[in-house]
mmCIF file of all heavy atoms, coordinates in Angstrom:
data_MODEL
# 
_entry.id   MODEL 
# 
loop_
_atom_site.group_PDB 
_atom_site.id 
_atom_site.type_symbol 
_atom_site.label_atom_id 
_atom_site.label_alt_id 
_atom_site.label_comp_id 
_atom_site.label_asym_id 
_atom_site.label_entity_id 
_atom_site.label_seq_id 
_atom_site.pdbx_PDB_ins_code 
_atom_site.Cartn_x 
_atom_site.Cartn_y 
_atom_site.Cartn_z 
_atom_site.occupancy 
_atom_site.B_iso_or_equiv 
_atom_site.pdbx_formal_charge 
_atom_site.auth_seq_id 
_atom_site.auth_comp_id 
_atom_site.auth_asym_id 
_atom_site.auth_atom_id 
_atom_site.pdbx_PDB_model_num 
ATOM 1   N N   . LYS A 1 1  ? 93.211  93.706  92.191  1.00 0.00 ? 1  LYS A N   1 
ATOM 2   C CA  . LYS A 1 1  ? 91.927  93.625  91.488  1.00 0.00 ? 1  LYS A CA  1 
ATOM 3   C C   . LYS A 1 1  ? 91.061  92.483  91.991  1.00 0.00 ? 1  LYS A C   1 
ATOM 4   O O   . LYS A 1 1  ? 89.829  92.562  91.930  1.00 0.00 ? 1  LYS A O   1 
ATOM 5   C CB  . LYS A 1 1  ? 92.153  93.514  90.005  1.00 0.00 ? 1  LYS A CB  1 
ATOM 6   C CG  . LYS A 1 1  ? 92.791  94.766  89.424  1.00 0.00 ? 1  LYS A CG  1 
ATOM 7   C CD  . LYS A 1 1  ? 92.881  94.667  87.898  1.00 0.00 ? 1  LYS A CD  1 
ATOM 8   C CE  . LYS A 1 1  ? 93.537  95.914  87.352  1.00 0.00 ? 1  LYS A CE  1 
ATOM 9   N NZ  . LYS A 1 1  ? 93.649  95.837  85.885  1.00 0.00 ? 1  LYS A NZ  1 
ATOM 10  N N   . GLU A 1 2  ? 91.672  91.383  92.448  1.00 0.00 ? 2  GLU A N   1 
ATOM 11  C CA  . GLU A 1 2  ? 90.858  90.266  92.940  1.00 0.00 ? 2  GLU A CA  1 
ATOM 12  C C   . GLU A 1 2  ? 90.155  90.662  94.233  1.00 0.00 ? 2  GLU A C   1 
ATOM 13  O O   . GLU A 1 2  ? 88.978  90.362  94.429  1.00 0.00 ? 2  GLU A O   1 
ATOM 14  C CB  . GLU A 1 2  ? 91.720  89.034  93.169  1.00 0.00 ? 2  GLU A CB  1 
ATOM 15  C CG  . GLU A 1 2  ? 90.917  87.811  93.593  1.00 0.00 ? 2  GLU A CG  1 
ATOM 16  C CD  . GLU A 1 2  ? 91.783  86.573  93.674  1.00 0.00 ? 2  GLU A CD  1 
ATOM 17  O OE1 . GLU A 1 2  ? 91.934  85.875  92.647  1.00 0.00 ? 2  GLU A OE1 1 
ATOM 18  O OE2 . GLU A 1 2  ? 92.309  86.291  94.777  1.00 0.00 ? 2  GLU A OE2 1 
ATOM 19  N N   . LYS A 1 3  ? 90.862  91.316  95.114  1.00 0.00 ? 3  LYS A N   1 
ATOM 20  C CA  . LYS A 1 3  ? 90.274  91.741  96.391  1.00 0.00 ? 3  LYS A CA  1 
ATOM 21  C C   . LYS A 1 3  ? 89.611  93.127  96.279  1.00 0.00 ? 3  LYS A C   1 
ATOM 22  O O   . LYS A 1 3  ? 88.981  93.569  97.237  1.00 0.00 ? 3  LYS A O   1 
ATOM 23  C CB  . LYS A 1 3  ? 91.358  91.780  97.464  1.00 0.00 ? 3  LYS A CB  1 
ATOM 24  C CG  . LYS A 1 3  ? 91.976  90.418  97.752  1.00 0.00 ? 3  LYS A CG  1 
ATOM 25  C CD  . LYS A 1 3  ? 93.060  90.519  98.822  1.00 0.00 ? 3  LYS A CD  1 
ATOM 26  C CE  . LYS A 1 3  ? 93.685  89.153  99.092  1.00 0.00 ? 3  LYS A CE  1 
ATOM 27  N NZ  . LYS A 1 3  ? 94.786  89.234  100.094 1.00 0.00 ? 3  LYS A NZ  1 
ATOM 28  N N   . ARG A 1 4  ? 89.799  93.758  95.138  1.00 0.00 ? 4  ARG A N   1 
ATOM 29  C CA  . ARG A 1 4  ? 89.213  95.096  94.890  1.00 0.00 ? 4  ARG A CA  1 
ATOM 30  C C   . ARG A 1 4  ? 89.652  96.090  95.958  1.00 0.00 ? 4  ARG A C   1 
ATOM 31  O O   . ARG A 1 4  ? 88.835  96.800  96.548  1.00 0.00 ? 4  ARG A O   1 
ATOM 32  C CB  . ARG A 1 4  ? 87.682  95.012  94.800  1.00 0.00 ? 4  ARG A CB  1 
ATOM 33  C CG  . ARG A 1 4  ? 87.213  94.148  93.650  1.00 0.00 ? 4  ARG A CG  1 
ATOM 34  C CD  . ARG A 1 4  ? 85.716  94.083  93.519  1.00 0.00 ? 4  ARG A CD  1 
ATOM 35  N NE  . ARG A 1 4  ? 85.155  95.304  92.993  1.00 0.00 ? 4  ARG A NE  1 
ATOM 36  C CZ  . ARG A 1 4  ? 85.094  95.629  91.712  1.00 0.00 ? 4  ARG A CZ  1 
ATOM 37  N NH1 . ARG A 1 4  ? 85.606  94.834  90.815  1.00 0.00 ? 4  ARG A NH1 1 
ATOM 38  N NH2 . ARG A 1 4  ? 84.541  96.761  91.314  1.00 0.00 ? 4  ARG A NH2 1 
ATOM 39  N N   . LEU A 1 5  ? 90.966  96.141  96.161  1.00 0.00 ? 5  LEU A N   1 
ATOM 40  C CA  . LEU A 1 5  ? 91.543  97.049  97.128  1.00 0.00 ? 5  LEU A CA  1 
ATOM 41  C C   . LEU A 1 5  ? 92.453  98.034  96.426  1.00 0.00 ? 5  LEU A C   1 
ATOM 42  O O   . LEU A 1 5  ? 93.077  97.696  95.395  1.00 0.00 ? 5  LEU A O   1 
ATOM 43  C CB  . LEU A 1 5  ? 92.344  96.283  98.196  1.00 0.00 ? 5  LEU A CB  1 
ATOM 44  C CG  . LEU A 1 5  ? 91.545  95.325  99.079  1.00 0.00 ? 5  LEU A CG  1 
ATOM 45  C CD1 . LEU A 1 5  ? 92.477  94.556  100.008 1.00 0.00 ? 5  LEU A CD1 1 
ATOM 46  C CD2 . LEU A 1 5  ? 90.468  96.062  99.867  1.00 0.00 ? 5  LEU A CD2 1 
ATOM 47  N N   . VAL A 1 6  ? 92.544  99.233  96.970  1.00 0.00 ? 6  VAL A N   1 
ATOM 48  C CA  . VAL A 1 6  ? 93.381  100.300 96.393  1.00 0.00 ? 6  VAL A CA  1 
ATOM 49  C C   . VAL A 1 6  ? 94.345  100.788 97.458  1.00 0.00 ? 6  VAL A C   1 
ATOM 50  O O   . VAL A 1 6  ? 93.944  101.020 98.604  1.00 0.00 ? 6  VAL A O   1 
ATOM 51  C CB  . VAL A 1 6  ? 92.509  101.472 95.884  1.00 0.00 ? 6  VAL A CB  1 
ATOM 52  C CG1 . VAL A 1 6  ? 93.372  102.623 95.384  1.00 0.00 ? 6  VAL A CG1 1 
ATOM 53  C CG2 . VAL A 1 6  ? 91.531  101.018 94.803  1.00 0.00 ? 6  VAL A CG2 1 
ATOM 54  N N   . TYR A 1 7  ? 95.613  100.953 97.049  1.00 0.00 ? 7  TYR A N   1 
ATOM 55  C CA  . TYR A 1 7  ? 96.632  101.464 97.962  1.00 0.00 ? 7  TYR A CA  1 
ATOM 56  C C   . TYR A 1 7  ? 97.360  102.630 97.304  1.00 0.00 ? 7  TYR A C   1 
ATOM 57  O O   . TYR A 1 7  ? 97.582  102.625 96.076  1.00 0.00 ? 7  TYR A O   1 
ATOM 58  C CB  . TYR A 1 7  ? 97.657  100.381 98.318  1.00 0.00 ? 7  TYR A CB  1 
ATOM 59  C CG  . TYR A 1 7  ? 97.072  99.179  98.986  1.00 0.00 ? 7  TYR A CG  1 
ATOM 60  C CD1 . TYR A 1 7  ? 96.588  98.100  98.242  1.00 0.00 ? 7  TYR A CD1 1 
ATOM 61  C CD2 . TYR A 1 7  ? 96.996  99.088  100.380 1.00 0.00 ? 7  TYR A CD2 1 
ATOM 62  C CE1 . TYR A 1 7  ? 96.047  96.980  98.849  1.00 0.00 ? 7  TYR A CE1 1 
ATOM 63  C CE2 . TYR A 1 7  ? 96.489  97.966  100.995 1.00 0.00 ? 7  TYR A CE2 1 
ATOM 64  C CZ  . TYR A 1 7  ? 95.998  96.919  100.232 1.00 0.00 ? 7  TYR A CZ  1 
ATOM 65  O OH  . TYR A 1 7  ? 95.463  95.808  100.841 1.00 0.00 ? 7  TYR A OH  1 
ATOM 66  N N   . SER A 1 8  ? 97.747  103.590 98.078  1.00 0.00 ? 8  SER A N   1 
ATOM 67  C CA  . SER A 1 8  ? 98.585  104.677 97.620  1.00 0.00 ? 8  SER A CA  1 
ATOM 68  C C   . SER A 1 8  ? 99.752  104.819 98.556  1.00 0.00 ? 8  SER A C   1 
ATOM 69  O O   . SER A 1 8  ? 99.567  105.091 99.760  1.00 0.00 ? 8  SER A O   1 
ATOM 70  C CB  . SER A 1 8  ? 97.787  105.999 97.553  1.00 0.00 ? 8  SER A CB  1 
ATOM 71  O OG  . SER A 1 8  ? 98.601  107.043 97.078  1.00 0.00 ? 8  SER A OG  1 
ATOM 72  N N   . TYR A 1 9  ? 100.939 104.578 98.037  1.00 0.00 ? 9  TYR A N   1 
ATOM 73  C CA  . TYR A 1 9  ? 102.160 104.598 98.860  1.00 0.00 ? 9  TYR A CA  1 
ATOM 74  C C   . TYR A 1 9  ? 102.003 103.777 100.113 1.00 0.00 ? 9  TYR A C   1 
ATOM 75  O O   . TYR A 1 9  ? 102.352 104.194 101.226 1.00 0.00 ? 9  TYR A O   1 
ATOM 76  C CB  . TYR A 1 9  ? 102.540 106.042 99.184  1.00 0.00 ? 9  TYR A CB  1 
ATOM 77  C CG  . TYR A 1 9  ? 102.991 106.812 97.970  1.00 0.00 ? 9  TYR A CG  1 
ATOM 78  C CD1 . TYR A 1 9  ? 102.144 107.770 97.410  1.00 0.00 ? 9  TYR A CD1 1 
ATOM 79  C CD2 . TYR A 1 9  ? 104.222 106.585 97.380  1.00 0.00 ? 9  TYR A CD2 1 
ATOM 80  C CE1 . TYR A 1 9  ? 102.536 108.479 96.272  1.00 0.00 ? 9  TYR A CE1 1 
ATOM 81  C CE2 . TYR A 1 9  ? 104.606 107.290 96.254  1.00 0.00 ? 9  TYR A CE2 1 
ATOM 82  C CZ  . TYR A 1 9  ? 103.769 108.219 95.694  1.00 0.00 ? 9  TYR A CZ  1 
ATOM 83  O OH  . TYR A 1 9  ? 104.156 108.906 94.569  1.00 0.00 ? 9  TYR A OH  1 
ATOM 84  N N   . GLY A 1 10 ? 101.452 102.564 99.971  1.00 0.00 ? 10 GLY A N   1 
ATOM 85  C CA  . GLY A 1 10 ? 101.365 101.630 101.075 1.00 0.00 ? 10 GLY A CA  1 
ATOM 86  C C   . GLY A 1 10 ? 100.145 101.766 101.958 1.00 0.00 ? 10 GLY A C   1 
ATOM 87  O O   . GLY A 1 10 ? 99.905  100.905 102.813 1.00 0.00 ? 10 GLY A O   1 
ATOM 88  N N   . GLU A 1 11 ? 99.355  102.813 101.788 1.00 0.00 ? 11 GLU A N   1 
ATOM 89  C CA  . GLU A 1 11 ? 98.177  103.012 102.630 1.00 0.00 ? 11 GLU A CA  1 
ATOM 90  C C   . GLU A 1 11 ? 96.912  102.648 101.838 1.00 0.00 ? 11 GLU A C   1 
ATOM 91  O O   . GLU A 1 11 ? 96.737  103.109 100.717 1.00 0.00 ? 11 GLU A O   1 
ATOM 92  C CB  . GLU A 1 11 ? 98.104  104.460 103.100 1.00 0.00 ? 11 GLU A CB  1 
ATOM 93  C CG  . GLU A 1 11 ? 99.190  104.856 104.074 1.00 0.00 ? 11 GLU A CG  1 
ATOM 94  C CD  . GLU A 1 11 ? 98.968  106.240 104.668 1.00 0.00 ? 11 GLU A CD  1 
ATOM 95  O OE1 . GLU A 1 11 ? 97.871  106.796 104.453 1.00 0.00 ? 11 GLU A OE1 1 
ATOM 96  O OE2 . GLU A 1 11 ? 99.875  106.751 105.336 1.00 0.00 ? 11 GLU A OE2 1 
ATOM 97  N N   . GLU A 1 12 ? 96.058  101.841 102.481 1.00 0.00 ? 12 GLU A N   1 
ATOM 98  C CA  . GLU A 1 12 ? 94.806  101.474 101.821 1.00 0.00 ? 12 GLU A CA  1 
ATOM 99  C C   . GLU A 1 12 ? 93.866  102.674 101.746 1.00 0.00 ? 12 GLU A C   1 
ATOM 100 O O   . GLU A 1 12 ? 93.744  103.440 102.717 1.00 0.00 ? 12 GLU A O   1 
ATOM 101 C CB  . GLU A 1 12 ? 94.121  100.346 102.583 1.00 0.00 ? 12 GLU A CB  1 
ATOM 102 C CG  . GLU A 1 12 ? 92.847  99.854  101.919 1.00 0.00 ? 12 GLU A CG  1 
ATOM 103 C CD  . GLU A 1 12 ? 92.187  98.698  102.654 1.00 0.00 ? 12 GLU A CD  1 
ATOM 104 O OE1 . GLU A 1 12 ? 92.860  98.095  103.520 1.00 0.00 ? 12 GLU A OE1 1 
ATOM 105 O OE2 . GLU A 1 12 ? 90.993  98.436  102.379 1.00 0.00 ? 12 GLU A OE2 1 
ATOM 106 N N   . VAL A 1 13 ? 93.227  102.859 100.597 1.00 0.00 ? 13 VAL A N   1 
ATOM 107 C CA  . VAL A 1 13 ? 92.292  103.957 100.399 1.00 0.00 ? 13 VAL A CA  1 
ATOM 108 C C   . VAL A 1 13 ? 90.936  103.356 100.052 1.00 0.00 ? 13 VAL A C   1 
ATOM 109 O O   . VAL A 1 13 ? 90.810  102.532 99.144  1.00 0.00 ? 13 VAL A O   1 
ATOM 110 C CB  . VAL A 1 13 ? 92.760  104.878 99.246  1.00 0.00 ? 13 VAL A CB  1 
ATOM 111 C CG1 . VAL A 1 13 ? 91.756  106.010 99.034  1.00 0.00 ? 13 VAL A CG1 1 
ATOM 112 C CG2 . VAL A 1 13 ? 94.158  105.432 99.542  1.00 0.00 ? 13 VAL A CG2 1 
ATOM 113 N N   . GLU A 1 14 ? 89.904  103.746 100.778 1.00 0.00 ? 14 GLU A N   1 
ATOM 114 C CA  . GLU A 1 14 ? 88.561  103.211 100.561 1.00 0.00 ? 14 GLU A CA  1 
ATOM 115 C C   . GLU A 1 14 ? 87.928  103.913 99.360  1.00 0.00 ? 14 GLU A C   1 
ATOM 116 O O   . GLU A 1 14 ? 87.863  105.120 99.292  1.00 0.00 ? 14 GLU A O   1 
ATOM 117 C CB  . GLU A 1 14 ? 87.701  103.407 101.797 1.00 0.00 ? 14 GLU A CB  1 
ATOM 118 C CG  . GLU A 1 14 ? 86.317  102.786 101.688 1.00 0.00 ? 14 GLU A CG  1 
ATOM 119 C CD  . GLU A 1 14 ? 85.516  102.913 102.965 1.00 0.00 ? 14 GLU A CD  1 
ATOM 120 O OE1 . GLU A 1 14 ? 86.116  103.185 104.021 1.00 0.00 ? 14 GLU A OE1 1 
ATOM 121 O OE2 . GLU A 1 14 ? 84.283  102.709 102.909 1.00 0.00 ? 14 GLU A OE2 1 
ATOM 122 N N   . VAL A 1 15 ? 87.466  103.115 98.404  1.00 0.00 ? 15 VAL A N   1 
ATOM 123 C CA  . VAL A 1 15 ? 86.809  103.670 97.214  1.00 0.00 ? 15 VAL A CA  1 
ATOM 124 C C   . VAL A 1 15 ? 85.486  102.927 96.981  1.00 0.00 ? 15 VAL A C   1 
ATOM 125 O O   . VAL A 1 15 ? 85.313  101.804 97.417  1.00 0.00 ? 15 VAL A O   1 
ATOM 126 C CB  . VAL A 1 15 ? 87.705  103.562 95.956  1.00 0.00 ? 15 VAL A CB  1 
ATOM 127 C CG1 . VAL A 1 15 ? 88.974  104.359 96.117  1.00 0.00 ? 15 VAL A CG1 1 
ATOM 128 C CG2 . VAL A 1 15 ? 88.017  102.114 95.638  1.00 0.00 ? 15 VAL A CG2 1 
ATOM 129 N N   . THR A 1 16 ? 84.579  103.573 96.263  1.00 0.00 ? 16 THR A N   1 
ATOM 130 C CA  . THR A 1 16 ? 83.329  102.936 95.878  1.00 0.00 ? 16 THR A CA  1 
ATOM 131 C C   . THR A 1 16 ? 83.560  102.024 94.681  1.00 0.00 ? 16 THR A C   1 
ATOM 132 O O   . THR A 1 16 ? 84.624  102.057 94.049  1.00 0.00 ? 16 THR A O   1 
ATOM 133 C CB  . THR A 1 16 ? 82.256  103.973 95.521  1.00 0.00 ? 16 THR A CB  1 
ATOM 134 O OG1 . THR A 1 16 ? 82.675  104.672 94.326  1.00 0.00 ? 16 THR A OG1 1 
ATOM 135 C CG2 . THR A 1 16 ? 82.067  104.975 96.646  1.00 0.00 ? 16 THR A CG2 1 
ATOM 136 N N   . SER A 1 17 ? 82.539  101.234 94.350  1.00 0.00 ? 17 SER A N   1 
ATOM 137 C CA  . SER A 1 17 ? 82.650  100.311 93.209  1.00 0.00 ? 17 SER A CA  1 
ATOM 138 C C   . SER A 1 17 ? 82.884  101.061 91.887  1.00 0.00 ? 17 SER A C   1 
ATOM 139 O O   . SER A 1 17 ? 83.734  100.703 91.083  1.00 0.00 ? 17 SER A O   1 
ATOM 140 C CB  . SER A 1 17 ? 81.387  99.466  93.101  1.00 0.00 ? 17 SER A CB  1 
ATOM 141 O OG  . SER A 1 17 ? 81.491  98.547  92.035  1.00 0.00 ? 17 SER A OG  1 
ATOM 142 N N   . LYS A 1 18 ? 82.131  102.163 91.674  1.00 0.00 ? 18 LYS A N   1 
ATOM 143 C CA  . LYS A 1 18 ? 82.310  102.965 90.442  1.00 0.00 ? 18 LYS A CA  1 
ATOM 144 C C   . LYS A 1 18 ? 83.713  103.576 90.410  1.00 0.00 ? 18 LYS A C   1 
ATOM 145 O O   . LYS A 1 18 ? 84.344  103.615 89.345  1.00 0.00 ? 18 LYS A O   1 
ATOM 146 C CB  . LYS A 1 18 ? 81.252  104.067 90.407  1.00 0.00 ? 18 LYS A CB  1 
ATOM 147 C CG  . LYS A 1 18 ? 79.880  103.628 89.886  1.00 0.00 ? 18 LYS A CG  1 
ATOM 148 C CD  . LYS A 1 18 ? 79.866  103.445 88.395  1.00 0.00 ? 18 LYS A CD  1 
ATOM 149 C CE  . LYS A 1 18 ? 78.436  103.342 87.856  1.00 0.00 ? 18 LYS A CE  1 
ATOM 150 N NZ  . LYS A 1 18 ? 77.698  102.174 88.354  1.00 0.00 ? 18 LYS A NZ  1 
ATOM 151 N N   . GLU A 1 19 ? 84.206  104.065 91.531  1.00 0.00 ? 19 GLU A N   1 
ATOM 152 C CA  . GLU A 1 19 ? 85.541  104.651 91.574  1.00 0.00 ? 19 GLU A CA  1 
ATOM 153 C C   . GLU A 1 19 ? 86.583  103.585 91.231  1.00 0.00 ? 19 GLU A C   1 
ATOM 154 O O   . GLU A 1 19 ? 87.551  103.858 90.487  1.00 0.00 ? 19 GLU A O   1 
ATOM 155 C CB  . GLU A 1 19 ? 85.806  105.256 92.950  1.00 0.00 ? 19 GLU A CB  1 
ATOM 156 C CG  . GLU A 1 19 ? 84.997  106.514 93.223  1.00 0.00 ? 19 GLU A CG  1 
ATOM 157 C CD  . GLU A 1 19 ? 84.969  106.917 94.694  1.00 0.00 ? 19 GLU A CD  1 
ATOM 158 O OE1 . GLU A 1 19 ? 85.538  106.161 95.527  1.00 0.00 ? 19 GLU A OE1 1 
ATOM 159 O OE2 . GLU A 1 19 ? 84.367  107.954 94.995  1.00 0.00 ? 19 GLU A OE2 1 
ATOM 160 N N   . PHE A 1 20 ? 86.390  102.365 91.746  1.00 0.00 ? 20 PHE A N   1 
ATOM 161 C CA  . PHE A 1 20 ? 87.340  101.288 91.457  1.00 0.00 ? 20 PHE A CA  1 
ATOM 162 C C   . PHE A 1 20 ? 87.297  100.943 89.985  1.00 0.00 ? 20 PHE A C   1 
ATOM 163 O O   . PHE A 1 20 ? 88.349  100.690 89.362  1.00 0.00 ? 20 PHE A O   1 
ATOM 164 C CB  . PHE A 1 20 ? 87.013  100.060 92.316  1.00 0.00 ? 20 PHE A CB  1 
ATOM 165 C CG  . PHE A 1 20 ? 88.074  98.999  92.218  1.00 0.00 ? 20 PHE A CG  1 
ATOM 166 C CD1 . PHE A 1 20 ? 89.150  98.995  93.091  1.00 0.00 ? 20 PHE A CD1 1 
ATOM 167 C CD2 . PHE A 1 20 ? 88.020  98.001  91.246  1.00 0.00 ? 20 PHE A CD2 1 
ATOM 168 C CE1 . PHE A 1 20 ? 90.143  98.030  93.009  1.00 0.00 ? 20 PHE A CE1 1 
ATOM 169 C CE2 . PHE A 1 20 ? 88.989  97.023  91.132  1.00 0.00 ? 20 PHE A CE2 1 
ATOM 170 C CZ  . PHE A 1 20 ? 90.059  97.040  92.026  1.00 0.00 ? 20 PHE A CZ  1 
ATOM 171 N N   . GLN A 1 21 ? 86.120  100.913 89.381  1.00 0.00 ? 21 GLN A N   1 
ATOM 172 C CA  . GLN A 1 21 ? 86.006  100.596 87.962  1.00 0.00 ? 21 GLN A CA  1 
ATOM 173 C C   . GLN A 1 21 ? 86.717  101.624 87.102  1.00 0.00 ? 21 GLN A C   1 
ATOM 174 O O   . GLN A 1 21 ? 87.416  101.268 86.135  1.00 0.00 ? 21 GLN A O   1 
ATOM 175 C CB  . GLN A 1 21 ? 84.531  100.499 87.561  1.00 0.00 ? 21 GLN A CB  1 
ATOM 176 C CG  . GLN A 1 21 ? 83.825  99.264  88.110  1.00 0.00 ? 21 GLN A CG  1 
ATOM 177 C CD  . GLN A 1 21 ? 82.359  99.212  87.752  1.00 0.00 ? 21 GLN A CD  1 
ATOM 178 O OE1 . GLN A 1 21 ? 81.836  100.198 87.240  1.00 0.00 ? 21 GLN A OE1 1 
ATOM 179 N NE2 . GLN A 1 21 ? 81.707  98.104  88.017  1.00 0.00 ? 21 GLN A NE2 1 
ATOM 180 N N   . VAL A 1 22 ? 86.529  102.900 87.404  1.00 0.00 ? 22 VAL A N   1 
ATOM 181 C CA  . VAL A 1 22 ? 87.207  103.944 86.641  1.00 0.00 ? 22 VAL A CA  1 
ATOM 182 C C   . VAL A 1 22 ? 88.722  103.832 86.806  1.00 0.00 ? 22 VAL A C   1 
ATOM 183 O O   . VAL A 1 22 ? 89.485  103.887 85.822  1.00 0.00 ? 22 VAL A O   1 
ATOM 184 C CB  . VAL A 1 22 ? 86.720  105.344 87.071  1.00 0.00 ? 22 VAL A CB  1 
ATOM 185 C CG1 . VAL A 1 22 ? 87.616  106.429 86.472  1.00 0.00 ? 22 VAL A CG1 1 
ATOM 186 C CG2 . VAL A 1 22 ? 85.274  105.560 86.634  1.00 0.00 ? 22 VAL A CG2 1 
ATOM 187 N N   . LEU A 1 23 ? 89.184  103.653 88.050  1.00 0.00 ? 23 LEU A N   1 
ATOM 188 C CA  . LEU A 1 23 ? 90.628  103.499 88.285  1.00 0.00 ? 23 LEU A CA  1 
ATOM 189 C C   . LEU A 1 23 ? 91.186  102.307 87.521  1.00 0.00 ? 23 LEU A C   1 
ATOM 190 O O   . LEU A 1 23 ? 92.266  102.389 86.924  1.00 0.00 ? 23 LEU A O   1 
ATOM 191 C CB  . LEU A 1 23 ? 90.882  103.336 89.786  1.00 0.00 ? 23 LEU A CB  1 
ATOM 192 C CG  . LEU A 1 23 ? 90.818  104.606 90.633  1.00 0.00 ? 23 LEU A CG  1 
ATOM 193 C CD1 . LEU A 1 23 ? 90.844  104.267 92.115  1.00 0.00 ? 23 LEU A CD1 1 
ATOM 194 C CD2 . LEU A 1 23 ? 91.963  105.553 90.294  1.00 0.00 ? 23 LEU A CD2 1 
ATOM 195 N N   . SER A 1 24 ? 90.453  101.192 87.539  1.00 0.00 ? 24 SER A N   1 
ATOM 196 C CA  . SER A 1 24 ? 90.928  99.987  86.847  1.00 0.00 ? 24 SER A CA  1 
ATOM 197 C C   . SER A 1 24 ? 91.023  100.191 85.342  1.00 0.00 ? 24 SER A C   1 
ATOM 198 O O   . SER A 1 24 ? 91.973  99.779  84.693  1.00 0.00 ? 24 SER A O   1 
ATOM 199 C CB  . SER A 1 24 ? 89.990  98.806  87.142  1.00 0.00 ? 24 SER A CB  1 
ATOM 200 O OG  . SER A 1 24 ? 90.021  98.484  88.514  1.00 0.00 ? 24 SER A OG  1 
ATOM 201 N N   . LEU A 1 25 ? 90.011  100.843 84.788  1.00 0.00 ? 25 LEU A N   1 
ATOM 202 C CA  . LEU A 1 25 ? 90.019  101.103 83.342  1.00 0.00 ? 25 LEU A CA  1 
ATOM 203 C C   . LEU A 1 25 ? 91.207  101.999 82.940  1.00 0.00 ? 25 LEU A C   1 
ATOM 204 O O   . LEU A 1 25 ? 91.946  101.676 81.998  1.00 0.00 ? 25 LEU A O   1 
ATOM 205 C CB  . LEU A 1 25 ? 88.703  101.764 82.930  1.00 0.00 ? 25 LEU A CB  1 
ATOM 206 C CG  . LEU A 1 25 ? 88.581  102.165 81.465  1.00 0.00 ? 25 LEU A CG  1 
ATOM 207 C CD1 . LEU A 1 25 ? 88.630  100.927 80.569  1.00 0.00 ? 25 LEU A CD1 1 
ATOM 208 C CD2 . LEU A 1 25 ? 87.294  102.938 81.212  1.00 0.00 ? 25 LEU A CD2 1 
ATOM 209 N N   . LEU A 1 26 ? 91.398  103.065 83.659  1.00 0.00 ? 26 LEU A N   1 
ATOM 210 C CA  . LEU A 1 26 ? 92.508  103.980 83.372  1.00 0.00 ? 26 LEU A CA  1 
ATOM 211 C C   . LEU A 1 26 ? 93.842  103.283 83.616  1.00 0.00 ? 26 LEU A C   1 
ATOM 212 O O   . LEU A 1 26 ? 94.816  103.475 82.876  1.00 0.00 ? 26 LEU A O   1 
ATOM 213 C CB  . LEU A 1 26 ? 92.400  105.242 84.207  1.00 0.00 ? 26 LEU A CB  1 
ATOM 214 C CG  . LEU A 1 26 ? 91.142  106.117 83.946  1.00 0.00 ? 26 LEU A CG  1 
ATOM 215 C CD1 . LEU A 1 26 ? 91.127  107.278 84.938  1.00 0.00 ? 26 LEU A CD1 1 
ATOM 216 C CD2 . LEU A 1 26 ? 91.120  106.625 82.518  1.00 0.00 ? 26 LEU A CD2 1 
ATOM 217 N N   . PHE A 1 27 ? 93.885  102.477 84.666  1.00 0.00 ? 27 PHE A N   1 
ATOM 218 C CA  . PHE A 1 27 ? 95.114  101.754 85.024  1.00 0.00 ? 27 PHE A CA  1 
ATOM 219 C C   . PHE A 1 27 ? 95.509  100.756 83.927  1.00 0.00 ? 27 PHE A C   1 
ATOM 220 O O   . PHE A 1 27 ? 96.706  100.610 83.610  1.00 0.00 ? 27 PHE A O   1 
ATOM 221 C CB  . PHE A 1 27 ? 94.873  101.029 86.333  1.00 0.00 ? 27 PHE A CB  1 
ATOM 222 C CG  . PHE A 1 27 ? 96.068  100.369 86.932  1.00 0.00 ? 27 PHE A CG  1 
ATOM 223 C CD1 . PHE A 1 27 ? 96.808  101.004 87.922  1.00 0.00 ? 27 PHE A CD1 1 
ATOM 224 C CD2 . PHE A 1 27 ? 96.494  99.111  86.526  1.00 0.00 ? 27 PHE A CD2 1 
ATOM 225 C CE1 . PHE A 1 27 ? 97.928  100.397 88.471  1.00 0.00 ? 27 PHE A CE1 1 
ATOM 226 C CE2 . PHE A 1 27 ? 97.595  98.493  87.080  1.00 0.00 ? 27 PHE A CE2 1 
ATOM 227 C CZ  . PHE A 1 27 ? 98.322  99.154  88.044  1.00 0.00 ? 27 PHE A CZ  1 
ATOM 228 N N   . ASP A 1 28 ? 94.542  100.080 83.367  1.00 0.00 ? 28 ASP A N   1 
ATOM 229 C CA  . ASP A 1 28 ? 94.813  99.065  82.350  1.00 0.00 ? 28 ASP A CA  1 
ATOM 230 C C   . ASP A 1 28 ? 95.210  99.676  81.001  1.00 0.00 ? 28 ASP A C   1 
ATOM 231 O O   . ASP A 1 28 ? 95.679  98.964  80.108  1.00 0.00 ? 28 ASP A O   1 
ATOM 232 C CB  . ASP A 1 28 ? 93.596  98.162  82.127  1.00 0.00 ? 28 ASP A CB  1 
ATOM 233 C CG  . ASP A 1 28 ? 93.359  97.217  83.305  1.00 0.00 ? 28 ASP A CG  1 
ATOM 234 O OD1 . ASP A 1 28 ? 94.300  97.014  84.092  1.00 0.00 ? 28 ASP A OD1 1 
ATOM 235 O OD2 . ASP A 1 28 ? 92.223  96.718  83.454  1.00 0.00 ? 28 ASP A OD2 1 
ATOM 236 N N   . HIS A 1 29 ? 94.987  100.983 80.844  1.00 0.00 ? 29 HIS A N   1 
ATOM 237 C CA  . HIS A 1 29 ? 95.330  101.663 79.594  1.00 0.00 ? 29 HIS A CA  1 
ATOM 238 C C   . HIS A 1 29 ? 96.136  102.942 79.920  1.00 0.00 ? 29 HIS A C   1 
ATOM 239 O O   . HIS A 1 29 ? 95.671  104.044 79.691  1.00 0.00 ? 29 HIS A O   1 
ATOM 240 C CB  . HIS A 1 29 ? 94.065  102.002 78.792  1.00 0.00 ? 29 HIS A CB  1 
ATOM 241 C CG  . HIS A 1 29 ? 93.232  100.817 78.455  1.00 0.00 ? 29 HIS A CG  1 
ATOM 242 N ND1 . HIS A 1 29 ? 92.294  100.301 79.324  1.00 0.00 ? 29 HIS A ND1 1 
ATOM 243 C CD2 . HIS A 1 29 ? 93.219  100.014 77.354  1.00 0.00 ? 29 HIS A CD2 1 
ATOM 244 C CE1 . HIS A 1 29 ? 91.712  99.246  78.753  1.00 0.00 ? 29 HIS A CE1 1 
ATOM 245 N NE2 . HIS A 1 29 ? 92.261  99.068  77.572  1.00 0.00 ? 29 HIS A NE2 1 
ATOM 246 N N   . PRO A 1 30 ? 97.337  102.745 80.481  1.00 0.00 ? 30 PRO A N   1 
ATOM 247 C CA  . PRO A 1 30 ? 98.129  103.916 80.905  1.00 0.00 ? 30 PRO A CA  1 
ATOM 248 C C   . PRO A 1 30 ? 98.435  104.837 79.755  1.00 0.00 ? 30 PRO A C   1 
ATOM 249 O O   . PRO A 1 30 ? 98.701  104.395 78.622  1.00 0.00 ? 30 PRO A O   1 
ATOM 250 C CB  . PRO A 1 30 ? 99.398  103.282 81.470  1.00 0.00 ? 30 PRO A CB  1 
ATOM 251 C CG  . PRO A 1 30 ? 99.479  101.937 80.832  1.00 0.00 ? 30 PRO A CG  1 
ATOM 252 C CD  . PRO A 1 30 ? 98.053  101.482 80.692  1.00 0.00 ? 30 PRO A CD  1 
# 
């Protein structure tokens, strides 16, 4: 979250700011 990076099974995935926000919100409330 500090670097605003997303990984899936070890591979970095490029996402937009809105996509990161949605992922973070859902992630924080599993």
